[in-house]
Amino acid sequence: MDIQTWLLFVAVAILPALSLGPAVLLAVSNSIRFGPEATYFSAIGNALGLTILGFAVAFGLAALMAASAHALNAIKIVGAVYLIYLGVKLWWRGEALDIPAGVEIARKAPRQLFTEALILALTNPKGLVLLTALLPPFVNHEHPVIPQVAIFSVTFAVMAFCNHIFLAFAGSRLRHFLTSERRMLNVRRALGGLFVAFGAALALSTR
C-alpha cells in the first residue's frame, strides 16, 4: 500500500469517524459521570470493536448480512435492545449522572467500561455500514488483503479513539458546570432519550 492511498483513506474516513452516534454518546456520558480517565477504557473497547468489524467486512460478513435477512435482523435486534437498555437506565436511575458538588462518584470497573463499549461497537450497525462503504474501494486485490484491511481498520479505530479522548476532556469541563440537580436531570434524560431513539430507529429500520 502506498502512502497516497492511506492519506486518501484518512481524508475520506475522518468525518464518519468523528460523526455523532451511540458510541460518542456513551463516551460523553462516561466522561460526565466518572471523569475523563474512565473514558480511556470505553474508547479502547470501541476501537477494538471497530477493528473487529473491519476484519468481519473483509471476510464477507457484510455480504452474508446482505443475503440473509435473519442475520441482519439478529444483529439489529441485539443492538436495538442494548441501546434502549442503556437509555432507560440513564433516564430512570437518578444516580446515573447525578454529580453533587465536591463529591466523586464511584467508578465502574475498567473491565465493565471496556466491555460495555465493545458490545456497543459490535452490535451497532453504524460501524459495520461505514466500514463496508469505506474499505472496499481502497483495498488493492492484487496485493495481500489482510495487511491492508488491518491498516485501514486500525486507522479508522484510532481516529474514533482520538475523538472519544477529546470528548472525554470536554466532558470533564462540563462535569464542573453540571453540578445543579436540575441540569443533571436534563442531561440524564436527554442522553437517555437519545440512546432510546437510536435503539428505536435501529429496531424499526428496514433492510
Protein backbone atom coordinates (compact mmCIF):
# COMPACT_ATOMS: atom_id res chain seq x y z
CA MET A 1 0.00 0.00 0.00
CA ASP A 2 1.36 3.44 -0.88
CA ILE A 3 1.16 6.44 1.43
CA GLN A 4 -1.09 8.33 -1.01
CA THR A 5 -3.77 5.63 -0.73
CA TRP A 6 -3.59 5.72 3.05
CA LEU A 7 -3.81 9.52 3.18
CA LEU A 8 -6.82 9.45 0.85
CA PHE A 9 -8.49 6.92 3.13
CA VAL A 10 -7.84 9.17 6.14
CA ALA A 11 -9.33 12.15 4.29
CA VAL A 12 -12.46 10.20 3.35
CA ALA A 13 -12.89 8.42 6.71
CA ILE A 14 -12.25 11.24 9.14
CA LEU A 15 -15.76 12.71 9.11
CA PRO A 16 -17.51 9.33 9.53
CA ALA A 17 -15.10 8.50 12.36
CA LEU A 18 -15.99 11.75 14.14
CA SER A 19 -19.73 11.68 13.43
CA LEU A 20 -22.34 11.55 16.18
CA GLY A 21 -23.53 8.10 17.16
CA PRO A 22 -24.25 5.85 20.15
CA ALA A 23 -20.53 5.30 20.88
CA VAL A 24 -19.96 9.06 21.04
CA LEU A 25 -22.92 9.47 23.39
CA LEU A 26 -21.53 6.72 25.60
CA ALA A 27 -18.14 8.47 25.71
CA VAL A 28 -19.75 11.75 26.71
CA SER A 29 -21.92 10.19 29.40
CA ASN A 30 -19.00 8.21 30.87
CA SER A 31 -16.84 11.32 30.94
CA ILE A 32 -19.50 13.36 32.72
CA ARG A 33 -20.26 10.60 35.20
CA PHE A 34 -16.80 9.24 36.01
CA GLY A 35 -14.23 11.71 34.71
CA PRO A 36 -12.01 11.61 31.61
CA GLU A 37 -9.80 8.74 32.80
CA ALA A 38 -12.71 6.32 32.74
CA THR A 39 -13.36 7.15 29.10
CA TYR A 40 -10.00 5.66 28.09
CA PHE A 41 -11.30 2.15 28.73
CA SER A 42 -14.53 2.66 26.80
CA ALA A 43 -12.55 4.31 23.97
CA ILE A 44 -10.27 1.26 23.77
CA GLY A 45 -13.30 -1.06 23.76
CA ASN A 46 -14.88 0.91 20.93
CA ALA A 47 -11.64 0.93 18.94
CA LEU A 48 -11.24 -2.83 19.31
CA GLY A 49 -14.84 -3.35 18.22
CA LEU A 50 -14.33 -1.25 15.09
CA THR A 51 -11.16 -3.17 14.25
CA ILE A 52 -13.02 -6.48 14.57
CA LEU A 53 -15.80 -5.15 12.34
CA GLY A 54 -13.19 -4.16 9.75
CA PHE A 55 -11.93 -7.72 9.55
CA ALA A 56 -15.50 -9.01 9.52
CA VAL A 57 -16.19 -6.86 6.47
CA ALA A 58 -13.04 -8.18 4.81
CA PHE A 59 -14.06 -11.79 5.38
CA GLY A 60 -17.51 -11.36 3.95
CA LEU A 61 -19.79 -10.70 6.92
CA ALA A 62 -21.30 -7.76 5.08
CA ALA A 63 -22.12 -9.98 2.09
CA LEU A 64 -23.65 -12.60 4.41
CA MET A 65 -25.83 -10.00 6.08
CA ALA A 66 -26.90 -8.53 2.74
CA ALA A 67 -28.01 -12.00 1.62
CA SER A 68 -29.57 -13.11 4.91
CA ALA A 69 -32.43 -11.18 6.45
CA HIS A 70 -32.18 -13.37 9.55
CA ALA A 71 -28.54 -12.47 10.16
CA LEU A 72 -29.25 -8.78 9.72
CA ASN A 73 -32.30 -8.88 11.98
CA ALA A 74 -30.39 -10.72 14.70
CA ILE A 75 -27.64 -8.08 14.77
CA LYS A 76 -30.22 -5.31 14.55
CA ILE A 77 -32.38 -6.58 17.42
CA VAL A 78 -29.43 -7.18 19.74
CA GLY A 79 -28.10 -3.69 19.05
CA ALA A 80 -31.52 -2.07 19.46
CA VAL A 81 -32.22 -3.80 22.78
CA TYR A 82 -28.81 -2.85 24.15
CA LEU A 83 -29.20 0.81 23.15
CA ILE A 84 -32.68 1.03 24.66
CA TYR A 85 -31.42 -0.64 27.85
CA LEU A 86 -28.67 1.97 28.21
CA GLY A 87 -31.15 4.77 27.54
CA VAL A 88 -33.74 3.57 30.03
CA LYS A 89 -31.04 3.13 32.68
CA LEU A 90 -29.86 6.71 32.18
CA TRP A 91 -33.43 8.06 32.20
CA TRP A 92 -34.74 6.32 35.30
CA ARG A 93 -31.74 5.82 37.56
CA GLY A 94 -31.31 9.05 39.48
CA GLU A 95 -27.70 8.29 40.37
CA ALA A 96 -26.68 7.54 36.81
CA LEU A 97 -25.49 11.07 36.08
CA ASP A 98 -26.01 12.99 39.31
CA ILE A 99 -22.80 14.69 40.36
CA PRO A 100 -23.07 16.51 43.69
CA ALA A 101 -20.59 19.35 44.03
CA GLY A 102 -17.30 18.22 45.50
CA VAL A 103 -18.28 14.55 45.51
CA GLU A 104 -16.66 11.87 43.35
CA ILE A 105 -18.91 9.10 42.04
CA ALA A 106 -17.69 5.54 42.47
CA ARG A 107 -16.40 4.49 39.09
CA LYS A 108 -17.28 1.40 37.13
CA ALA A 109 -14.57 -1.22 36.89
CA PRO A 110 -12.31 -0.74 33.84
CA ARG A 111 -13.36 -4.15 32.55
CA GLN A 112 -17.03 -3.13 32.72
CA LEU A 113 -16.37 0.13 30.86
CA PHE A 114 -14.34 -1.71 28.23
CA THR A 115 -16.93 -4.48 27.77
CA GLU A 116 -19.85 -2.06 27.56
CA ALA A 117 -18.18 -0.10 24.76
CA LEU A 118 -17.02 -3.25 22.95
CA ILE A 119 -20.54 -4.71 22.91
CA LEU A 120 -21.95 -1.41 21.72
CA ALA A 121 -19.39 -1.19 18.89
CA LEU A 122 -20.03 -4.77 17.75
CA THR A 123 -23.83 -4.52 17.86
CA ASN A 124 -24.15 -1.02 16.41
CA PRO A 125 -24.66 -1.39 12.63
CA LYS A 126 -23.40 2.15 12.05
CA GLY A 127 -19.81 0.94 12.32
CA LEU A 128 -20.43 -2.01 10.03
CA VAL A 129 -22.17 0.14 7.43
CA LEU A 130 -19.39 2.72 7.48
CA LEU A 131 -16.62 0.17 7.19
CA THR A 132 -18.49 -1.72 4.46
CA ALA A 133 -18.67 1.51 2.47
CA LEU A 134 -15.15 2.73 3.26
CA LEU A 135 -12.88 -0.30 3.00
CA PRO A 136 -13.58 -1.97 -0.39
CA PRO A 137 -12.66 1.00 -2.61
CA PHE A 138 -9.21 1.26 -1.01
CA VAL A 139 -8.27 -2.43 -0.97
CA ASN A 140 -6.00 -3.48 -3.82
CA HIS A 141 -6.77 -7.14 -4.54
CA GLU A 142 -3.51 -7.53 -6.42
CA HIS A 143 -1.75 -7.43 -3.04
CA PRO A 144 -2.44 -9.34 0.21
CA VAL A 145 -5.79 -8.17 1.53
CA ILE A 146 -5.39 -8.84 5.25
CA PRO A 147 -2.47 -6.40 5.85
CA GLN A 148 -4.36 -3.67 4.01
CA VAL A 149 -7.56 -4.29 5.96
CA ALA A 150 -5.58 -4.29 9.21
CA ILE A 151 -4.06 -0.89 8.41
CA PHE A 152 -7.35 0.68 7.33
CA SER A 153 -9.35 -0.77 10.22
CA VAL A 154 -6.81 0.28 12.83
CA THR A 155 -6.59 3.74 11.26
CA PHE A 156 -10.35 4.19 11.47
CA ALA A 157 -10.38 2.86 15.04
CA VAL A 158 -7.58 5.22 16.09
CA MET A 159 -9.45 8.21 14.67
CA ALA A 160 -12.55 7.20 16.63
CA PHE A 161 -10.38 6.68 19.74
CA CYS A 162 -8.89 10.18 19.46
CA ASN A 163 -12.37 11.62 19.05
CA HIS A 164 -13.52 9.89 22.23
CA ILE A 165 -10.49 11.12 24.19
CA PHE A 166 -11.21 14.67 23.06
CA LEU A 167 -14.82 14.28 24.16
CA ALA A 168 -13.61 12.86 27.48
CA PHE A 169 -11.79 16.07 28.34
CA ALA A 170 -14.66 18.19 27.04
CA GLY A 171 -16.96 16.18 29.29
CA SER A 172 -14.60 16.76 32.18
CA ARG A 173 -15.05 20.50 31.81
CA LEU A 174 -18.81 20.07 31.58
CA ARG A 175 -18.68 17.97 34.74
CA HIS A 176 -17.67 21.01 36.78
CA PHE A 177 -20.51 23.00 35.27
CA LEU A 178 -23.27 20.41 35.62
CA THR A 179 -23.48 20.30 39.40
CA SER A 180 -27.08 21.55 39.53
CA GLU A 181 -29.65 18.82 40.16
CA ARG A 182 -31.94 20.31 37.52
CA ARG A 183 -29.15 20.49 34.94
CA MET A 184 -28.11 16.92 35.61
CA LEU A 185 -31.70 15.73 35.33
CA ASN A 186 -31.99 17.40 31.94
CA VAL A 187 -28.66 15.98 30.73
CA ARG A 188 -29.51 12.50 32.00
CA ARG A 189 -32.88 12.48 30.29
CA ALA A 190 -31.51 14.00 27.08
CA LEU A 191 -28.78 11.35 26.82
CA GLY A 192 -31.18 8.60 27.82
CA GLY A 193 -33.71 9.76 25.27
CA LEU A 194 -31.06 9.82 22.53
CA PHE A 195 -29.98 6.28 23.34
CA VAL A 196 -33.59 5.09 23.23
CA ALA A 197 -34.16 6.99 19.98
CA PHE A 198 -31.13 5.34 18.37
CA GLY A 199 -32.34 1.94 19.56
CA ALA A 200 -35.89 2.50 18.35
CA ALA A 201 -34.69 3.77 14.96
CA LEU A 202 -32.49 0.69 14.64
CA ALA A 203 -35.31 -1.68 15.57
CA LEU A 204 -37.68 -0.07 13.08
CA SER A 205 -35.18 0.26 10.25
CA THR A 206 -35.62 -1.78 7.09
CA ARG A 207 -33.04 -3.67 5.07
